[in-house]
Amino acid sequence: MILEGLLVPVPSEVVLAFGGYLALTGALPPYIGIPAYILVLIAGSVGNLVGALLAYVIGDKGGIPLILRYGKYFLLDASSIQRTHKWFTRYGDIS
């Protein structure tokens, strides 16, 4: 789930469904009285939150120079950054 939060194309639905299956079949035992399905939900939520926070910190600290340097690996270039900046400038708060 952390990978999904970092924008890596990982199907979180499959990961959570598999975790639910493991909880249902008893492959994941309860932990100090907490049912396994609750643990799967907590782990998925925390993983997604951590991934999103990591993506935010990377973007905040690296900014546009990071995107210009490594964006080619994610199909981003300077023109797409400029188009996005113009779009956010044009539509302001609504965007």
Protein backbone atom coordinates (compact mmCIF):
# COMPACT_ATOMS: atom_id res chain seq x y z
CA MET A 1 0.00 0.00 0.00
CA ILE A 2 2.96 2.29 0.53
CA LEU A 3 3.89 1.78 -3.12
CA GLU A 4 0.43 2.82 -4.25
CA GLY A 5 0.71 5.98 -2.18
CA LEU A 6 3.99 6.70 -3.96
CA LEU A 7 2.14 6.53 -7.31
CA VAL A 8 3.61 3.18 -8.30
CA PRO A 9 0.94 1.26 -10.23
CA VAL A 10 0.19 -1.46 -7.67
CA PRO A 11 -3.40 -2.75 -7.55
CA SER A 12 -4.35 -2.04 -3.95
CA GLU A 13 -7.68 -3.77 -4.40
CA VAL A 14 -5.88 -7.04 -5.07
CA VAL A 15 -3.57 -6.55 -2.09
CA LEU A 16 -6.48 -5.83 0.26
CA ALA A 17 -8.57 -8.66 -1.16
CA PHE A 18 -5.67 -11.07 -0.60
CA GLY A 19 -5.24 -9.76 2.95
CA GLY A 20 -8.96 -10.25 3.53
CA TYR A 21 -8.72 -13.80 2.19
CA LEU A 22 -5.83 -14.55 4.54
CA ALA A 23 -7.80 -13.12 7.46
CA LEU A 24 -10.91 -15.11 6.52
CA THR A 25 -9.08 -18.43 6.18
CA GLY A 26 -7.27 -18.00 9.48
CA ALA A 27 -3.80 -17.69 7.94
CA LEU A 28 -3.50 -14.37 9.79
CA PRO A 29 -4.17 -14.94 13.47
CA PRO A 30 -5.73 -12.27 15.69
CA TYR A 31 -3.29 -10.07 17.57
CA ILE A 32 -4.00 -9.39 21.25
CA GLY A 33 -7.69 -9.91 20.69
CA ILE A 34 -7.99 -7.71 17.58
CA PRO A 35 -9.61 -9.62 14.68
CA ALA A 36 -7.37 -10.22 11.67
CA TYR A 37 -9.66 -8.36 9.24
CA ILE A 38 -9.37 -5.22 11.37
CA LEU A 39 -5.59 -5.57 11.29
CA VAL A 40 -5.70 -5.86 7.48
CA LEU A 41 -7.76 -2.65 7.27
CA ILE A 42 -5.43 -0.82 9.64
CA ALA A 43 -2.31 -2.00 7.80
CA GLY A 44 -3.78 -0.98 4.44
CA SER A 45 -4.83 2.45 5.69
CA VAL A 46 -1.53 3.16 7.42
CA GLY A 47 0.42 1.93 4.38
CA ASN A 48 -1.51 4.20 2.04
CA LEU A 49 -1.11 7.16 4.41
CA VAL A 50 2.65 6.61 4.74
CA GLY A 51 3.01 6.33 0.96
CA ALA A 52 1.07 9.55 0.40
CA LEU A 53 3.13 11.37 3.02
CA LEU A 54 6.36 10.13 1.45
CA ALA A 55 5.19 11.34 -1.97
CA TYR A 56 4.33 14.72 -0.44
CA VAL A 57 7.72 15.06 1.28
CA ILE A 58 9.57 14.05 -1.90
CA GLY A 59 7.61 16.64 -3.89
CA ASP A 60 8.00 19.31 -1.23
CA LYS A 61 11.74 18.85 -0.79
CA GLY A 62 12.61 18.09 -4.42
CA GLY A 63 10.14 20.32 -6.21
CA ILE A 64 10.39 21.16 -9.88
CA PRO A 65 14.17 20.53 -10.11
CA LEU A 66 13.56 16.93 -9.04
CA ILE A 67 10.84 16.50 -11.64
CA LEU A 68 12.99 18.05 -14.36
CA ARG A 69 15.88 15.76 -13.47
CA TYR A 70 14.03 12.45 -13.01
CA GLY A 71 10.72 13.16 -14.74
CA LYS A 72 11.84 11.50 -17.95
CA TYR A 73 11.54 8.15 -16.19
CA PHE A 74 7.87 8.91 -15.48
CA LEU A 75 7.06 10.45 -18.89
CA LEU A 76 7.20 14.02 -17.56
CA ASP A 77 9.04 16.83 -19.29
CA ALA A 78 9.34 20.60 -18.94
CA SER A 79 6.39 21.28 -21.26
CA SER A 80 4.02 19.14 -19.21
CA ILE A 81 5.17 20.92 -16.04
CA GLN A 82 4.50 24.30 -17.68
CA ARG A 83 1.05 23.21 -18.87
CA THR A 84 0.16 21.97 -15.40
CA HIS A 85 1.42 25.18 -13.78
CA LYS A 86 -0.63 27.31 -16.22
CA TRP A 87 -3.72 25.20 -15.52
CA PHE A 88 -3.40 25.61 -11.75
CA THR A 89 -2.69 29.33 -12.16
CA ARG A 90 -5.71 29.77 -14.43
CA TYR A 91 -8.24 27.91 -12.26
CA GLY A 92 -6.81 28.82 -8.87
CA ASP A 93 -8.62 27.57 -5.79
CA ILE A 94 -11.11 25.45 -7.71
CA SER A 95 -8.29 23.25 -8.97
